[in-house]
Amino acid sequence: MSEYLPDYAVPPGRTIKELLGIVYRPDDAQGLADLLCMDLSGVDDLISGKMPIDESMAKFLEQAFGFPARNWLRMEANYIATLKRLGQERPVSTV
């Protein structure tokens, strides 16, 4: 069986956006921003993949959603590996 290698990279923020609508109200980005100690533009950057998920952020996300920090870090590593394989770079934050 061959390994599935998509021709697109999915930022961990897509999962954050989906969980935001499950754990919080879908429009409650401000609640997440408050929990993560950041402003709304930071949440937008996190969701769009412009902001990397480091250990500290992964722990905040674990607290916010109950999804283990190691899984957030694994999603981040997979995102970066896919971007590299595709010859792409992480989108740049405008903040």
N, C-alpha and C. Protein backbone atom coordinates (compact mmCIF):
# COMPACT_ATOMS: atom_id res chain seq x y z
N MET A 1 0.85 -1.17 0.00
CA MET A 1 0.00 0.00 0.00
C MET A 1 0.90 1.24 0.00
N SER A 2 0.59 2.20 -0.84
CA SER A 2 1.40 3.41 -0.91
C SER A 2 0.89 4.45 0.09
N GLU A 3 1.81 5.29 0.52
CA GLU A 3 1.48 6.35 1.48
C GLU A 3 0.72 7.46 0.76
N TYR A 4 -0.31 7.98 1.41
CA TYR A 4 -1.08 9.09 0.84
C TYR A 4 -0.31 10.38 1.05
N LEU A 5 0.00 11.08 -0.03
CA LEU A 5 0.72 12.35 0.04
C LEU A 5 -0.12 13.41 -0.67
N PRO A 6 -0.89 14.18 0.10
CA PRO A 6 -1.75 15.18 -0.52
C PRO A 6 -0.95 16.27 -1.22
N ASP A 7 -1.58 16.93 -2.18
CA ASP A 7 -0.92 18.02 -2.89
C ASP A 7 -1.31 19.38 -2.30
N TYR A 8 -1.65 19.38 -1.03
CA TYR A 8 -2.00 20.60 -0.30
C TYR A 8 -1.62 20.41 1.17
N ALA A 9 -1.37 21.51 1.84
CA ALA A 9 -1.01 21.48 3.26
C ALA A 9 -2.17 22.04 4.09
N VAL A 10 -2.54 21.32 5.13
CA VAL A 10 -3.64 21.74 5.99
C VAL A 10 -3.06 22.25 7.32
N PRO A 11 -3.24 23.53 7.60
CA PRO A 11 -2.72 24.05 8.87
C PRO A 11 -3.51 23.51 10.06
N PRO A 12 -2.86 23.33 11.20
CA PRO A 12 -3.58 22.88 12.40
C PRO A 12 -4.73 23.82 12.75
N GLY A 13 -4.65 25.06 12.29
CA GLY A 13 -5.71 26.02 12.55
C GLY A 13 -7.06 25.60 12.01
N ARG A 14 -7.07 24.77 10.99
CA ARG A 14 -8.35 24.29 10.47
C ARG A 14 -9.07 23.47 11.56
N THR A 15 -8.31 22.67 12.30
CA THR A 15 -8.88 21.92 13.41
C THR A 15 -9.33 22.86 14.51
N ILE A 16 -8.54 23.89 14.78
CA ILE A 16 -8.92 24.88 15.78
C ILE A 16 -10.24 25.52 15.41
N LYS A 17 -10.38 25.89 14.15
CA LYS A 17 -11.62 26.52 13.68
C LYS A 17 -12.81 25.58 13.86
N GLU A 18 -12.62 24.31 13.53
CA GLU A 18 -13.71 23.34 13.70
C GLU A 18 -14.05 23.16 15.17
N LEU A 19 -13.04 23.03 16.02
CA LEU A 19 -13.28 22.86 17.45
C LEU A 19 -13.90 24.10 18.07
N LEU A 20 -13.55 25.23 17.54
CA LEU A 20 -14.12 26.49 18.05
C LEU A 20 -15.64 26.45 17.96
N GLY A 21 -16.14 25.90 16.89
CA GLY A 21 -17.58 25.81 16.71
C GLY A 21 -18.24 24.72 17.55
N ILE A 22 -17.45 23.78 18.06
CA ILE A 22 -17.98 22.70 18.89
C ILE A 22 -17.90 23.07 20.37
N VAL A 23 -16.72 23.51 20.80
CA VAL A 23 -16.49 23.80 22.22
C VAL A 23 -17.06 25.16 22.60
N TYR A 24 -16.91 26.13 21.71
CA TYR A 24 -17.42 27.48 21.95
C TYR A 24 -18.51 27.73 20.92
N ARG A 25 -19.05 28.90 20.91
CA ARG A 25 -19.96 29.28 19.83
C ARG A 25 -19.10 29.50 18.58
N PRO A 26 -19.62 29.21 17.40
CA PRO A 26 -18.82 29.40 16.19
C PRO A 26 -18.27 30.81 16.01
N ASP A 27 -18.95 31.78 16.58
CA ASP A 27 -18.50 33.17 16.43
C ASP A 27 -17.72 33.66 17.65
N ASP A 28 -17.28 32.74 18.51
CA ASP A 28 -16.63 33.14 19.75
C ASP A 28 -15.11 33.13 19.66
N ALA A 29 -14.58 33.73 18.61
CA ALA A 29 -13.13 33.84 18.48
C ALA A 29 -12.56 34.67 19.62
N GLN A 30 -13.33 35.64 20.10
CA GLN A 30 -12.85 36.47 21.21
C GLN A 30 -12.66 35.63 22.47
N GLY A 31 -13.54 34.69 22.73
CA GLY A 31 -13.39 33.80 23.88
C GLY A 31 -12.11 33.00 23.78
N LEU A 32 -11.80 32.51 22.59
CA LEU A 32 -10.55 31.77 22.39
C LEU A 32 -9.37 32.71 22.54
N ALA A 33 -9.47 33.90 21.99
CA ALA A 33 -8.38 34.88 22.10
C ALA A 33 -8.09 35.17 23.57
N ASP A 34 -9.13 35.35 24.36
CA ASP A 34 -8.95 35.61 25.79
C ASP A 34 -8.26 34.44 26.48
N LEU A 35 -8.70 33.23 26.16
CA LEU A 35 -8.12 32.03 26.76
C LEU A 35 -6.64 31.88 26.39
N LEU A 36 -6.30 32.22 25.15
CA LEU A 36 -4.92 32.08 24.67
C LEU A 36 -4.07 33.32 24.93
N CYS A 37 -4.69 34.33 25.57
CA CYS A 37 -3.97 35.57 25.90
C CYS A 37 -3.42 36.25 24.64
N MET A 38 -4.27 36.38 23.63
CA MET A 38 -3.87 37.05 22.40
C MET A 38 -5.04 37.86 21.87
N ASP A 39 -4.77 38.68 20.87
CA ASP A 39 -5.85 39.45 20.27
C ASP A 39 -6.46 38.66 19.11
N LEU A 40 -7.51 39.20 18.52
CA LEU A 40 -8.22 38.49 17.45
C LEU A 40 -7.34 38.26 16.22
N SER A 41 -6.45 39.20 15.93
CA SER A 41 -5.57 38.99 14.77
C SER A 41 -4.64 37.81 15.02
N GLY A 42 -4.25 37.59 16.28
CA GLY A 42 -3.44 36.41 16.62
C GLY A 42 -4.21 35.13 16.40
N VAL A 43 -5.49 35.12 16.76
CA VAL A 43 -6.34 33.94 16.53
C VAL A 43 -6.47 33.70 15.03
N ASP A 44 -6.67 34.76 14.27
CA ASP A 44 -6.76 34.63 12.80
C ASP A 44 -5.47 34.03 12.24
N ASP A 45 -4.31 34.52 12.73
CA ASP A 45 -3.03 33.99 12.27
C ASP A 45 -2.86 32.52 12.65
N LEU A 46 -3.31 32.15 13.83
CA LEU A 46 -3.23 30.76 14.28
C LEU A 46 -4.10 29.88 13.39
N ILE A 47 -5.31 30.31 13.12
CA ILE A 47 -6.24 29.52 12.31
C ILE A 47 -5.76 29.39 10.86
N SER A 48 -5.18 30.45 10.32
CA SER A 48 -4.74 30.43 8.91
C SER A 48 -3.40 29.74 8.70
N GLY A 49 -2.71 29.39 9.79
CA GLY A 49 -1.42 28.72 9.67
C GLY A 49 -0.25 29.68 9.63
N LYS A 50 -0.51 30.97 9.81
CA LYS A 50 0.57 31.96 9.80
C LYS A 50 1.38 31.93 11.09
N MET A 51 0.74 31.53 12.19
CA MET A 51 1.42 31.46 13.48
C MET A 51 1.74 30.01 13.80
N PRO A 52 3.00 29.70 14.06
CA PRO A 52 3.35 28.32 14.40
C PRO A 52 2.83 27.93 15.78
N ILE A 53 2.58 26.65 15.94
CA ILE A 53 2.18 26.12 17.24
C ILE A 53 3.44 25.56 17.90
N ASP A 54 3.89 26.24 18.95
CA ASP A 54 5.03 25.76 19.72
C ASP A 54 4.51 25.05 20.97
N GLU A 55 5.42 24.60 21.84
CA GLU A 55 5.00 23.86 23.03
C GLU A 55 4.07 24.66 23.91
N SER A 56 4.37 25.93 24.09
CA SER A 56 3.55 26.79 24.94
C SER A 56 2.14 26.91 24.37
N MET A 57 2.04 27.18 23.09
CA MET A 57 0.73 27.31 22.45
C MET A 57 -0.01 25.98 22.48
N ALA A 58 0.71 24.89 22.28
CA ALA A 58 0.07 23.57 22.30
C ALA A 58 -0.55 23.29 23.67
N LYS A 59 0.10 23.74 24.73
CA LYS A 59 -0.45 23.55 26.08
C LYS A 59 -1.70 24.41 26.29
N PHE A 60 -1.68 25.64 25.77
CA PHE A 60 -2.87 26.48 25.83
C PHE A 60 -4.03 25.82 25.07
N LEU A 61 -3.73 25.29 23.89
CA LEU A 61 -4.76 24.65 23.07
C LEU A 61 -5.29 23.38 23.75
N GLU A 62 -4.40 22.66 24.42
CA GLU A 62 -4.84 21.48 25.17
C GLU A 62 -5.84 21.90 26.25
N GLN A 63 -5.53 22.98 26.94
CA GLN A 63 -6.42 23.48 27.99
C GLN A 63 -7.76 23.95 27.38
N ALA A 64 -7.69 24.59 26.24
CA ALA A 64 -8.89 25.14 25.62
C ALA A 64 -9.81 24.06 25.08
N PHE A 65 -9.23 23.01 24.47
CA PHE A 65 -10.04 22.03 23.76
C PHE A 65 -9.96 20.61 24.30
N GLY A 66 -9.01 20.34 25.20
CA GLY A 66 -8.86 18.99 25.74
C GLY A 66 -8.16 18.03 24.80
N PHE A 67 -7.62 18.53 23.72
CA PHE A 67 -6.89 17.74 22.73
C PHE A 67 -5.41 17.79 23.13
N PRO A 68 -4.73 16.65 23.36
CA PRO A 68 -3.38 16.66 23.92
C PRO A 68 -2.38 17.54 23.16
N ALA A 69 -1.51 18.20 23.92
CA ALA A 69 -0.51 19.09 23.34
C ALA A 69 0.35 18.36 22.30
N ARG A 70 0.69 17.11 22.58
CA ARG A 70 1.54 16.36 21.63
C ARG A 70 0.86 16.22 20.27
N ASN A 71 -0.47 16.14 20.27
CA ASN A 71 -1.18 16.04 18.99
C ASN A 71 -1.15 17.35 18.22
N TRP A 72 -1.25 18.48 18.94
CA TRP A 72 -1.13 19.79 18.28
C TRP A 72 0.26 19.92 17.67
N LEU A 73 1.28 19.50 18.41
CA LEU A 73 2.65 19.59 17.90
C LEU A 73 2.86 18.67 16.71
N ARG A 74 2.24 17.51 16.73
CA ARG A 74 2.34 16.58 15.60
C ARG A 74 1.65 17.17 14.37
N MET A 75 0.49 17.77 14.54
CA MET A 75 -0.19 18.42 13.40
C MET A 75 0.67 19.53 12.83
N GLU A 76 1.31 20.32 13.71
CA GLU A 76 2.19 21.40 13.25
C GLU A 76 3.36 20.83 12.46
N ALA A 77 3.98 19.76 12.97
CA ALA A 77 5.11 19.14 12.28
C ALA A 77 4.68 18.59 10.91
N ASN A 78 3.52 17.97 10.85
CA ASN A 78 3.01 17.45 9.58
C ASN A 78 2.74 18.58 8.59
N TYR A 79 2.20 19.68 9.09
CA TYR A 79 1.93 20.85 8.24
C TYR A 79 3.23 21.38 7.64
N ILE A 80 4.24 21.55 8.47
CA ILE A 80 5.54 22.06 8.00
C ILE A 80 6.18 21.09 7.01
N ALA A 81 6.13 19.80 7.31
CA ALA A 81 6.72 18.79 6.42
C ALA A 81 6.01 18.81 5.06
N THR A 82 4.71 18.95 5.06
CA THR A 82 3.97 18.99 3.80
C THR A 82 4.29 20.25 3.02
N LEU A 83 4.37 21.39 3.71
CA LEU A 83 4.76 22.63 3.02
C LEU A 83 6.12 22.46 2.36
N LYS A 84 7.08 21.90 3.08
CA LYS A 84 8.43 21.69 2.52
C LYS A 84 8.39 20.75 1.32
N ARG A 85 7.64 19.66 1.46
CA ARG A 85 7.56 18.70 0.36
C ARG A 85 6.97 19.34 -0.89
N LEU A 86 6.04 20.27 -0.69
CA LEU A 86 5.39 20.95 -1.82
C LEU A 86 6.17 22.17 -2.30
N GLY A 87 7.30 22.48 -1.64
CA GLY A 87 8.08 23.64 -2.03
C GLY A 87 7.41 24.95 -1.67
N GLN A 88 6.58 24.93 -0.64
CA GLN A 88 5.86 26.12 -0.21
C GLN A 88 6.42 26.62 1.13
N GLU A 89 6.05 27.83 1.47
CA GLU A 89 6.43 28.38 2.76
C GLU A 89 5.19 28.71 3.55
N ARG A 90 5.37 28.81 4.86
CA ARG A 90 4.28 29.20 5.74
C ARG A 90 3.80 30.58 5.35
N PRO A 91 2.48 30.80 5.31
CA PRO A 91 1.98 32.15 5.04
C PRO A 91 2.55 33.13 6.07
N VAL A 92 2.71 34.35 5.68
CA VAL A 92 3.32 35.37 6.54
C VAL A 92 2.24 36.19 7.21
N SER A 93 2.41 36.41 8.50
CA SER A 93 1.48 37.24 9.27
C SER A 93 1.63 38.70 8.86
N THR A 94 0.52 39.40 8.84
CA THR A 94 0.56 40.83 8.53
C THR A 94 0.60 41.66 9.80
N VAL A 95 0.60 40.99 10.95
CA VAL A 95 0.61 41.70 12.24
C VAL A 95 2.03 41.95 12.67
